[in-house]
Amino acid sequence: MNATEMKVGREYRVTRKGSPLIDYVTMPDGEVIQIGPFEDESYNVRILEKPAMVSEVSEKRERLIRIPKHLKSENWYAVLNLDTNQTHFLCAKDCQIEEIK
């Protein structure tokens, strides 16, 4: 299924292939953390309406801001992860999508 066919309120199985690549990121406090390698992952989601505002968290504070431009694009979805009961954004660009309901 093409990710642009996902509809608000419907439920899908999202599968993302892992990657053996490793990268290193330097955090603001100077700590270097390893990103990757990534395992294959699959989980179930329900598509939610995209919010007009999102929470921006920094070291010093948390505030509400307008949804950033990249999250407004057709590749990004607001979802409820049905396996963890957490809401988050999903970039469906490199995922395999299958409707489950």
PDB file of N, CA and C in Angstrom:
ATOM      1  N   MET A   1       0.844  -1.178   0.000  1.00  0.00           N
ATOM      2  CA  MET A   1       0.000   0.000   0.000  1.00  0.00           C
ATOM      3  C   MET A   1       0.886   1.237   0.000  1.00  0.00           C
ATOM      4  N   ASN A   2       0.487   2.224  -0.759  1.00  0.00           N
ATOM      5  CA  ASN A   2       1.175   3.501  -0.801  1.00  0.00           C
ATOM      6  C   ASN A   2       0.837   4.291   0.458  1.00  0.00           C
ATOM      7  N   ALA A   3       1.825   4.871   1.085  1.00  0.00           N
ATOM      8  CA  ALA A   3       1.605   5.596   2.344  1.00  0.00           C
ATOM      9  C   ALA A   3       0.621   6.747   2.192  1.00  0.00           C
ATOM     10  N   THR A   4       0.531   7.352   1.008  1.00  0.00           N
ATOM     11  CA  THR A   4      -0.389   8.483   0.826  1.00  0.00           C
ATOM     12  C   THR A   4      -1.837   8.035   0.816  1.00  0.00           C
ATOM     13  N   GLU A   5      -2.100   6.732   0.811  1.00  0.00           N
ATOM     14  CA  GLU A   5      -3.462   6.218   0.852  1.00  0.00           C
ATOM     15  C   GLU A   5      -3.970   6.025   2.283  1.00  0.00           C
ATOM     16  N   MET A   6      -3.143   6.229   3.282  1.00  0.00           N
ATOM     17  CA  MET A   6      -3.563   6.029   4.667  1.00  0.00           C
ATOM     18  C   MET A   6      -4.571   7.110   5.053  1.00  0.00           C
ATOM     19  N   LYS A   7      -5.632   6.687   5.751  1.00  0.00           N
ATOM     20  CA  LYS A   7      -6.739   7.575   6.093  1.00  0.00           C
ATOM     21  C   LYS A   7      -6.890   7.702   7.611  1.00  0.00           C
ATOM     22  N   VAL A   8      -7.289   8.893   8.052  1.00  0.00           N
ATOM     23  CA  VAL A   8      -7.529   9.162   9.469  1.00  0.00           C
ATOM     24  C   VAL A   8      -8.584   8.184   9.992  1.00  0.00           C
ATOM     25  N   GLY A   9      -8.299   7.599  11.160  1.00  0.00           N
ATOM     26  CA  GLY A   9      -9.214   6.684  11.817  1.00  0.00           C
ATOM     27  C   GLY A   9      -8.987   5.220  11.473  1.00  0.00           C
ATOM     28  N   ARG A  10      -8.270   4.948  10.413  1.00  0.00           N
ATOM     29  CA  ARG A  10      -8.017   3.557  10.025  1.00  0.00           C
ATOM     30  C   ARG A  10      -6.750   3.044  10.697  1.00  0.00           C
ATOM     31  N   GLU A  11      -6.643   1.705  10.775  1.00  0.00           N
ATOM     32  CA  GLU A  11      -5.508   1.074  11.448  1.00  0.00           C
ATOM     33  C   GLU A  11      -4.645   0.321  10.439  1.00  0.00           C
ATOM     34  N   TYR A  12      -3.331   0.382  10.670  1.00  0.00           N
ATOM     35  CA  TYR A  12      -2.366  -0.178   9.731  1.00  0.00           C
ATOM     36  C   TYR A  12      -1.242  -0.892  10.472  1.00  0.00           C
ATOM     37  N   ARG A  13      -0.648  -1.850   9.800  1.00  0.00           N
ATOM     38  CA  ARG A  13       0.569  -2.517  10.266  1.00  0.00           C
ATOM     39  C   ARG A  13       1.711  -1.832   9.528  1.00  0.00           C
ATOM     40  N   VAL A  14       2.654  -1.281  10.278  1.00  0.00           N
ATOM     41  CA  VAL A  14       3.805  -0.575   9.723  1.00  0.00           C
ATOM     42  C   VAL A  14       5.035  -1.456   9.913  1.00  0.00           C
ATOM     43  N   THR A  15       5.746  -1.711   8.837  1.00  0.00           N
ATOM     44  CA  THR A  15       6.973  -2.506   8.907  1.00  0.00           C
ATOM     45  C   THR A  15       8.100  -1.693   8.288  1.00  0.00           C
ATOM     46  N   ARG A  16       9.185  -1.607   9.029  1.00  0.00           N
ATOM     47  CA  ARG A  16      10.362  -0.859   8.558  1.00  0.00           C
ATOM     48  C   ARG A  16      11.567  -1.791   8.619  1.00  0.00           C
ATOM     49  N   LYS A  17      12.289  -1.866   7.519  1.00  0.00           N
ATOM     50  CA  LYS A  17      13.496  -2.685   7.470  1.00  0.00           C
ATOM     51  C   LYS A  17      14.589  -2.045   8.311  1.00  0.00           C
ATOM     52  N   GLY A  18      15.376  -2.882   8.951  1.00  0.00           N
ATOM     53  CA  GLY A  18      16.500  -2.405   9.751  1.00  0.00           C
ATOM     54  C   GLY A  18      17.643  -1.932   8.874  1.00  0.00           C
ATOM     55  N   SER A  19      18.667  -1.455   9.511  1.00  0.00           N
ATOM     56  CA  SER A  19      19.852  -0.972   8.803  1.00  0.00           C
ATOM     57  C   SER A  19      21.092  -1.291   9.622  1.00  0.00           C
ATOM     58  N   PRO A  20      22.126  -1.814   8.968  1.00  0.00           N
ATOM     59  CA  PRO A  20      23.359  -2.104   9.693  1.00  0.00           C
ATOM     60  C   PRO A  20      24.226  -0.853   9.920  1.00  0.00           C
ATOM     61  N   LEU A  21      23.822   0.283   9.350  1.00  0.00           N
ATOM     62  CA  LEU A  21      24.639   1.492   9.435  1.00  0.00           C
ATOM     63  C   LEU A  21      24.691   2.036  10.857  1.00  0.00           C
ATOM     64  N   ILE A  22      25.843   2.558  11.206  1.00  0.00           N
ATOM     65  CA  ILE A  22      26.057   3.163  12.524  1.00  0.00           C
ATOM     66  C   ILE A  22      26.521   4.599  12.308  1.00  0.00           C
ATOM     67  N   ASP A  23      26.000   5.505  13.120  1.00  0.00           N
ATOM     68  CA  ASP A  23      26.410   6.906  13.074  1.00  0.00           C
ATOM     69  C   ASP A  23      26.625   7.362  14.513  1.00  0.00           C
ATOM     70  N   TYR A  24      27.340   8.445  14.678  1.00  0.00           N
ATOM     71  CA  TYR A  24      27.590   8.991  16.008  1.00  0.00           C
ATOM     72  C   TYR A  24      27.142  10.445  16.025  1.00  0.00           C
ATOM     73  N   VAL A  25      26.468  10.829  17.111  1.00  0.00           N
ATOM     74  CA  VAL A  25      25.937  12.175  17.251  1.00  0.00           C
ATOM     75  C   VAL A  25      26.487  12.779  18.528  1.00  0.00           C
ATOM     76  N   THR A  26      26.937  14.041  18.446  1.00  0.00           N
ATOM     77  CA  THR A  26      27.409  14.756  19.626  1.00  0.00           C
ATOM     78  C   THR A  26      26.257  15.569  20.199  1.00  0.00           C
ATOM     79  N   MET A  27      25.919  15.295  21.443  1.00  0.00           N
ATOM     80  CA  MET A  27      24.830  15.979  22.131  1.00  0.00           C
ATOM     81  C   MET A  27      25.309  17.353  22.606  1.00  0.00           C
ATOM     82  N   PRO A  28      24.349  18.255  22.940  1.00  0.00           N
ATOM     83  CA  PRO A  28      24.742  19.602  23.391  1.00  0.00           C
ATOM     84  C   PRO A  28      25.691  19.601  24.601  1.00  0.00           C
ATOM     85  N   ASP A  29      25.598  18.574  25.462  1.00  0.00           N
ATOM     86  CA  ASP A  29      26.473  18.522  26.630  1.00  0.00           C
ATOM     87  C   ASP A  29      27.835  17.898  26.321  1.00  0.00           C
ATOM     88  N   GLY A  30      28.073  17.558  25.044  1.00  0.00           N
ATOM     89  CA  GLY A  30      29.357  16.989  24.636  1.00  0.00           C
ATOM     90  C   GLY A  30      29.379  15.472  24.590  1.00  0.00           C
ATOM     91  N   GLU A  31      28.352  14.822  25.129  1.00  0.00           N
ATOM     92  CA  GLU A  31      28.300  13.354  25.102  1.00  0.00           C
ATOM     93  C   GLU A  31      28.118  12.881  23.659  1.00  0.00           C
ATOM     94  N   VAL A  32      28.861  11.862  23.276  1.00  0.00           N
ATOM     95  CA  VAL A  32      28.738  11.273  21.947  1.00  0.00           C
ATOM     96  C   VAL A  32      27.934   9.983  22.077  1.00  0.00           C
ATOM     97  N   ILE A  33      26.844   9.895  21.306  1.00  0.00           N
ATOM     98  CA  ILE A  33      26.024   8.691  21.368  1.00  0.00           C
ATOM     99  C   ILE A  33      26.007   8.004  20.005  1.00  0.00           C
ATOM    100  N   GLN A  34      25.844   6.696  20.049  1.00  0.00           N
ATOM    101  CA  GLN A  34      25.788   5.895  18.832  1.00  0.00           C
ATOM    102  C   GLN A  34      24.342   5.763  18.373  1.00  0.00           C
ATOM    103  N   ILE A  35      24.116   5.973  17.084  1.00  0.00           N
ATOM    104  CA  ILE A  35      22.808   5.774  16.470  1.00  0.00           C
ATOM    105  C   ILE A  35      22.949   4.589  15.518  1.00  0.00           C
ATOM    106  N   GLY A  36      22.152   3.546  15.728  1.00  0.00           N
ATOM    107  CA  GLY A  36      22.195   2.350  14.885  1.00  0.00           C
ATOM    108  C   GLY A  36      23.137   1.330  15.483  1.00  0.00           C
ATOM    109  N   PRO A  37      23.217   0.158  14.959  1.00  0.00           N
ATOM    110  CA  PRO A  37      22.388  -0.329  13.851  1.00  0.00           C
ATOM    111  C   PRO A  37      20.950  -0.518  14.306  1.00  0.00           C
ATOM    112  N   PHE A  38      20.030  -0.598  13.337  1.00  0.00           N
ATOM    113  CA  PHE A  38      18.612  -0.726  13.633  1.00  0.00           C
ATOM    114  C   PHE A  38      18.095  -2.092  13.215  1.00  0.00           C
ATOM    115  N   GLU A  39      17.280  -2.687  14.070  1.00  0.00           N
ATOM    116  CA  GLU A  39      16.625  -3.964  13.783  1.00  0.00           C
ATOM    117  C   GLU A  39      15.375  -3.707  12.935  1.00  0.00           C
ATOM    118  N   ASP A  40      14.904  -4.747  12.243  1.00  0.00           N
ATOM    119  CA  ASP A  40      13.596  -4.650  11.597  1.00  0.00           C
ATOM    120  C   ASP A  40      12.564  -4.385  12.687  1.00  0.00           C
ATOM    121  N   GLU A  41      11.535  -3.601  12.373  1.00  0.00           N
ATOM    122  CA  GLU A  41      10.486  -3.355  13.356  1.00  0.00           C
ATOM    123  C   GLU A  41       9.121  -3.338  12.687  1.00  0.00           C
ATOM    124  N   SER A  42       8.124  -3.797  13.423  1.00  0.00           N
ATOM    125  CA  SER A  42       6.735  -3.784  12.967  1.00  0.00           C
ATOM    126  C   SER A  42       5.851  -3.405  14.143  1.00  0.00           C
ATOM    127  N   TYR A  43       4.861  -2.592  13.880  1.00  0.00           N
ATOM    128  CA  TYR A  43       3.907  -2.216  14.919  1.00  0.00           C
ATOM    129  C   TYR A  43       2.616  -1.748  14.267  1.00  0.00           C
ATOM    130  N   ASN A  44       1.559  -1.695  15.059  1.00  0.00           N
ATOM    131  CA  ASN A  44       0.238  -1.296  14.586  1.00  0.00           C
ATOM    132  C   ASN A  44      -0.048   0.132  15.004  1.00  0.00           C
ATOM    133  N   VAL A  45      -0.656   0.899  14.086  1.00  0.00           N
ATOM    134  CA  VAL A  45      -0.986   2.294  14.367  1.00  0.00           C
ATOM    135  C   VAL A  45      -2.397   2.616  13.911  1.00  0.00           C
ATOM    136  N   ARG A  46      -2.966   3.639  14.534  1.00  0.00           N
ATOM    137  CA  ARG A  46      -4.205   4.255  14.062  1.00  0.00           C
ATOM    138  C   ARG A  46      -3.829   5.674  13.637  1.00  0.00           C
ATOM    139  N   ILE A  47      -4.266   6.073  12.459  1.00  0.00           N
ATOM    140  CA  ILE A  47      -3.950   7.403  11.947  1.00  0.00           C
ATOM    141  C   ILE A  47      -4.839   8.433  12.645  1.00  0.00           C
ATOM    142  N   LEU A  48      -4.202   9.500  13.142  1.00  0.00           N
ATOM    143  CA  LEU A  48      -4.893  10.588  13.838  1.00  0.00           C
ATOM    144  C   LEU A  48      -4.889  11.843  12.966  1.00  0.00           C
ATOM    145  N   GLU A  49      -5.782  12.774  13.266  1.00  0.00           N
ATOM    146  CA  GLU A  49      -5.724  14.100  12.635  1.00  0.00           C
ATOM    147  C   GLU A  49      -4.413  14.762  13.048  1.00  0.00           C
ATOM    148  N   LYS A  50      -3.769  15.444  12.115  1.00  0.00           N
ATOM    149  CA  LYS A  50      -2.557  16.178  12.485  1.00  0.00           C
ATOM    150  C   LYS A  50      -2.950  17.371  13.345  1.00  0.00           C
ATOM    151  N   PRO A  51      -2.243  17.576  14.440  1.00  0.00           N
ATOM    152  CA  PRO A  51      -2.567  18.727  15.298  1.00  0.00           C
ATOM    153  C   PRO A  51      -2.051  20.029  14.680  1.00  0.00           C
ATOM    154  N   ALA A  52      -2.658  21.126  15.065  1.00  0.00           N
ATOM    155  CA  ALA A  52      -2.197  22.436  14.612  1.00  0.00           C
ATOM    156  C   ALA A  52      -0.958  22.872  15.390  1.00  0.00           C
ATOM    157  N   MET A  53      -0.845  22.390  16.633  1.00  0.00           N
ATOM    158  CA  MET A  53       0.269  22.757  17.504  1.00  0.00           C
ATOM    159  C   MET A  53       0.955  21.486  17.999  1.00  0.00           C
ATOM    160  N   VAL A  54       2.263  21.569  18.208  1.00  0.00           N
ATOM    161  CA  VAL A  54       3.035  20.458  18.751  1.00  0.00           C
ATOM    162  C   VAL A  54       3.909  20.967  19.893  1.00  0.00           C
ATOM    163  N   SER A  55       4.366  20.067  20.713  1.00  0.00           N
ATOM    164  CA  SER A  55       5.218  20.418  21.836  1.00  0.00           C
ATOM    165  C   SER A  55       6.675  20.419  21.384  1.00  0.00           C
ATOM    166  N   GLU A  56       7.371  21.486  21.685  1.00  0.00           N
ATOM    167  CA  GLU A  56       8.809  21.581  21.409  1.00  0.00           C
ATOM    168  C   GLU A  56       9.518  21.533  22.759  1.00  0.00           C
ATOM    169  N   VAL A  57      10.417  20.574  22.911  1.00  0.00           N
ATOM    170  CA  VAL A  57      11.115  20.393  24.173  1.00  0.00           C
ATOM    171  C   VAL A  57      12.590  20.721  23.984  1.00  0.00           C
ATOM    172  N   SER A  58      13.093  21.590  24.822  1.00  0.00           N
ATOM    173  CA  SER A  58      14.523  21.893  24.824  1.00  0.00           C
ATOM    174  C   SER A  58      15.061  21.582  26.219  1.00  0.00           C
ATOM    175  N   GLU A  59      16.338  21.813  26.423  1.00  0.00           N
ATOM    176  CA  GLU A  59      16.935  21.555  27.735  1.00  0.00           C
ATOM    177  C   GLU A  59      16.304  22.417  28.824  1.00  0.00           C
ATOM    178  N   LYS A  60      15.863  23.605  28.458  1.00  0.00           N
ATOM    179  CA  LYS A  60      15.401  24.564  29.455  1.00  0.00           C
ATOM    180  C   LYS A  60      13.885  24.638  29.604  1.00  0.00           C
ATOM    181  N   ARG A  61      13.132  24.269  28.549  1.00  0.00           N
ATOM    182  CA  ARG A  61      11.687  24.434  28.652  1.00  0.00           C
ATOM    183  C   ARG A  61      10.948  23.604  27.613  1.00  0.00           C
ATOM    184  N   GLU A  62       9.652  23.566  27.804  1.00  0.00           N
ATOM    185  CA  GLU A  62       8.750  22.938  26.851  1.00  0.00           C
ATOM    186  C   GLU A  62       7.709  23.980  26.483  1.00  0.00           C
ATOM    187  N   ARG A  63       7.413  24.087  25.189  1.00  0.00           N
ATOM    188  CA  ARG A  63       6.416  25.066  24.758  1.00  0.00           C
ATOM    189  C   ARG A  63       5.659  24.541  23.550  1.00  0.00           C
ATOM    190  N   LEU A  64       4.489  25.100  23.315  1.00  0.00           N
ATOM    191  CA  LEU A  64       3.707  24.741  22.147  1.00  0.00           C
ATOM    192  C   LEU A  64       4.076  25.658  20.989  1.00  0.00           C
ATOM    193  N   ILE A  65       4.261  25.051  19.809  1.00  0.00           N
ATOM    194  CA  ILE A  65       4.560  25.805  18.590  1.00  0.00           C
ATOM    195  C   ILE A  65       3.652  25.297  17.476  1.00  0.00           C
ATOM    196  N   ARG A  66       3.521  26.072  16.414  1.00  0.00           N
ATOM    197  CA  ARG A  66       2.782  25.592  15.249  1.00  0.00           C
ATOM    198  C   ARG A  66       3.503  24.390  14.668  1.00  0.00           C
ATOM    199  N   ILE A  67       2.738  23.464  14.108  1.00  0.00           N
ATOM    200  CA  ILE A  67       3.322  22.256  13.542  1.00  0.00           C
ATOM    201  C   ILE A  67       4.350  22.651  12.465  1.00  0.00           C
ATOM    202  N   PRO A  68       5.572  22.112  12.544  1.00  0.00           N
ATOM    203  CA  PRO A  68       6.605  22.466  11.572  1.00  0.00           C
ATOM    204  C   PRO A  68       6.240  22.025  10.151  1.00  0.00           C
ATOM    205  N   LYS A  69       6.802  22.704   9.188  1.00  0.00           N
ATOM    206  CA  LYS A  69       6.506  22.465   7.774  1.00  0.00           C
ATOM    207  C   LYS A  69       6.733  21.011   7.373  1.00  0.00           C
ATOM    208  N   HIS A  70       7.829  20.393   7.827  1.00  0.00           N
ATOM    209  CA  HIS A  70       8.112  19.017   7.400  1.00  0.00           C
ATOM    210  C   HIS A  70       7.058  18.041   7.913  1.00  0.00           C
ATOM    211  N   LEU A  71       6.487  18.301   9.094  1.00  0.00           N
ATOM    212  CA  LEU A  71       5.453  17.413   9.627  1.00  0.00           C
ATOM    213  C   LEU A  71       4.116  17.588   8.920  1.00  0.00           C
ATOM    214  N   LYS A  72       3.947  18.692   8.202  1.00  0.00           N
ATOM    215  CA  LYS A  72       2.728  18.920   7.420  1.00  0.00           C
ATOM    216  C   LYS A  72       2.744  18.142   6.105  1.00  0.00           C
ATOM    217  N   SER A  73       3.908  17.652   5.687  1.00  0.00           N
ATOM    218  CA  SER A  73       4.019  16.998   4.380  1.00  0.00           C
ATOM    219  C   SER A  73       3.257  15.683   4.350  1.00  0.00           C
ATOM    220  N   GLU A  74       3.012  15.185   3.154  1.00  0.00           N
ATOM    221  CA  GLU A  74       2.204  13.967   2.975  1.00  0.00           C
ATOM    222  C   GLU A  74       2.898  12.702   3.461  1.00  0.00           C
ATOM    223  N   ASN A  75       4.196  12.742   3.715  1.00  0.00           N
ATOM    224  CA  ASN A  75       4.918  11.555   4.202  1.00  0.00           C
ATOM    225  C   ASN A  75       4.804  11.368   5.710  1.00  0.00           C
ATOM    226  N   TRP A  76       4.375  12.408   6.426  1.00  0.00           N
ATOM    227  CA  TRP A  76       4.322  12.358   7.880  1.00  0.00           C
ATOM    228  C   TRP A  76       2.885  12.228   8.356  1.00  0.00           C
ATOM    229  N   TYR A  77       2.675  11.353   9.347  1.00  0.00           N
ATOM    230  CA  TYR A  77       1.356  11.093   9.905  1.00  0.00           C
ATOM    231  C   TYR A  77       1.416  11.186  11.426  1.00  0.00           C
ATOM    232  N   ALA A  78       0.369  11.744  12.013  1.00  0.00           N
ATOM    233  CA  ALA A  78       0.190  11.666  13.460  1.00  0.00           C
ATOM    234  C   ALA A  78      -0.474  10.319  13.716  1.00  0.00           C
ATOM    235  N   VAL A  79       0.101   9.541  14.631  1.00  0.00           N
ATOM    236  CA  VAL A  79      -0.406   8.187  14.859  1.00  0.00           C
ATOM    237  C   VAL A  79      -0.514   7.883  16.346  1.00  0.00           C
ATOM    238  N   LEU A  80      -1.400   6.938  16.639  1.00  0.00           N
ATOM    239  CA  LEU A  80      -1.447   6.305  17.944  1.00  0.00           C
ATOM    240  C   LEU A  80      -0.851   4.928  17.741  1.00  0.00           C
ATOM    241  N   ASN A  81       0.262   4.641  18.408  1.00  0.00           N
ATOM    242  CA  ASN A  81       0.870   3.317  18.336  1.00  0.00           C
ATOM    243  C   ASN A  81       0.007   2.394  19.193  1.00  0.00           C
ATOM    244  N   LEU A  82      -0.677   1.452  18.561  1.00  0.00           N
ATOM    245  CA  LEU A  82      -1.602   0.574  19.264  1.00  0.00           C
ATOM    246  C   LEU A  82      -0.888  -0.446  20.139  1.00  0.00           C
ATOM    247  N   ASP A  83       0.403  -0.661  19.899  1.00  0.00           N
ATOM    248  CA  ASP A  83       1.182  -1.603  20.705  1.00  0.00           C
ATOM    249  C   ASP A  83       1.667  -0.976  22.007  1.00  0.00           C
ATOM    250  N   THR A  84       1.921   0.340  21.994  1.00  0.00           N
ATOM    251  CA  THR A  84       2.449   1.021  23.179  1.00  0.00           C
ATOM    252  C   THR A  84       1.482   2.048  23.770  1.00  0.00           C
ATOM    253  N   ASN A  85       0.399   2.359  23.036  1.00  0.00           N
ATOM    254  CA  ASN A  85      -0.577   3.364  23.427  1.00  0.00           C
ATOM    255  C   ASN A  85       0.034   4.766  23.521  1.00  0.00           C
ATOM    256  N   GLN A  86       1.046   5.041  22.709  1.00  0.00           N
ATOM    257  CA  GLN A  86       1.685   6.355  22.673  1.00  0.00           C
ATOM    258  C   GLN A  86       1.413   7.022  21.330  1.00  0.00           C
ATOM    259  N   THR A  87       1.281   8.334  21.355  1.00  0.00           N
ATOM    260  CA  THR A  87       1.118   9.079  20.111  1.00  0.00           C
ATOM    261  C   THR A  87       2.473   9.620  19.680  1.00  0.00           C
ATOM    262  N   HIS A  88       2.676   9.661  18.376  1.00  0.00           N
ATOM    263  CA  HIS A  88       3.910  10.207  17.810  1.00  0.00           C
ATOM    264  C   HIS A  88       3.701  10.465  16.330  1.00  0.00           C
ATOM    265  N   PHE A  89       4.695  11.021  15.688  1.00  0.00           N
ATOM    266  CA  PHE A  89       4.650  11.208  14.242  1.00  0.00           C
ATOM    267  C   PHE A  89       5.393  10.063  13.581  1.00  0.00           C
ATOM    268  N   LEU A  90       4.896   9.649  12.431  1.00  0.00           N
ATOM    269  CA  LEU A  90       5.475   8.552  11.659  1.00  0.00           C
ATOM    270  C   LEU A  90       5.799   9.062  10.265  1.00  0.00           C
ATOM    271  N   CYS A  91       7.047   8.891   9.851  1.00  0.00           N
ATOM    272  CA  CYS A  91       7.424   9.152   8.464  1.00  0.00           C
ATOM    273  C   CYS A  91       7.257   7.824   7.724  1.00  0.00           C
ATOM    274  N   ALA A  92       6.251   7.750   6.891  1.00  0.00           N
ATOM    275  CA  ALA A  92       5.901   6.496   6.225  1.00  0.00           C
ATOM    276  C   ALA A  92       6.640   6.298   4.909  1.00  0.00           C
ATOM    277  N   LYS A  93       7.555   7.170   4.595  1.00  0.00           N
ATOM    278  CA  LYS A  93       8.251   7.144   3.300  1.00  0.00           C
ATOM    279  C   LYS A  93       8.933   5.805   3.016  1.00  0.00           C
ATOM    280  N   ASP A  94       9.629   5.246   3.964  1.00  0.00           N
ATOM    281  CA  ASP A  94      10.386   4.016   3.738  1.00  0.00           C
ATOM    282  C   ASP A  94       9.797   2.827   4.488  1.00  0.00           C
ATOM    283  N   CYS A  95       8.475   2.822   4.663  1.00  0.00           N
ATOM    284  CA  CYS A  95       7.801   1.753   5.399  1.00  0.00           C
ATOM    285  C   CYS A  95       6.931   0.921   4.463  1.00  0.00           C
ATOM    286  N   GLN A  96       6.732  -0.300   4.850  1.00  0.00           N
ATOM    287  CA  GLN A  96       5.728  -1.139   4.201  1.00  0.00           C
ATOM    288  C   GLN A  96       4.456  -0.972   5.029  1.00  0.00           C
ATOM    289  N   ILE A  97       3.332  -0.681   4.373  1.00  0.00           N
ATOM    290  CA  ILE A  97       2.079  -0.377   5.057  1.00  0.00           C
ATOM    291  C   ILE A  97       1.017  -1.388   4.624  1.00  0.00           C
ATOM    292  N   GLU A  98       0.293  -1.929   5.611  1.00  0.00           N
ATOM    293  CA  GLU A  98      -0.796  -2.853   5.317  1.00  0.00           C
ATOM    294  C   GLU A  98      -1.963  -2.521   6.234  1.00  0.00           C
ATOM    295  N   GLU A  99      -3.147  -2.309   5.656  1.00  0.00           N
ATOM    296  CA  GLU A  99      -4.321  -2.017   6.483  1.00  0.00           C
ATOM    297  C   GLU A  99      -4.726  -3.259   7.257  1.00  0.00           C
ATOM    298  N   ILE A 100      -5.065  -3.076   8.539  1.00  0.00           N
ATOM    299  CA  ILE A 100      -5.402  -4.237   9.384  1.00  0.00           C
ATOM    300  C   ILE A 100      -6.850  -4.221   9.847  1.00  0.00           C
ATOM    301  N   LYS A 101      -7.598  -3.178   9.562  1.00  0.00           N
ATOM    302  CA  LYS A 101      -8.982  -3.113  10.022  1.00  0.00           C
ATOM    303  C   LYS A 101      -9.878  -2.598   8.928  1.00  0.00           C
TER     304      LYS A 101
END
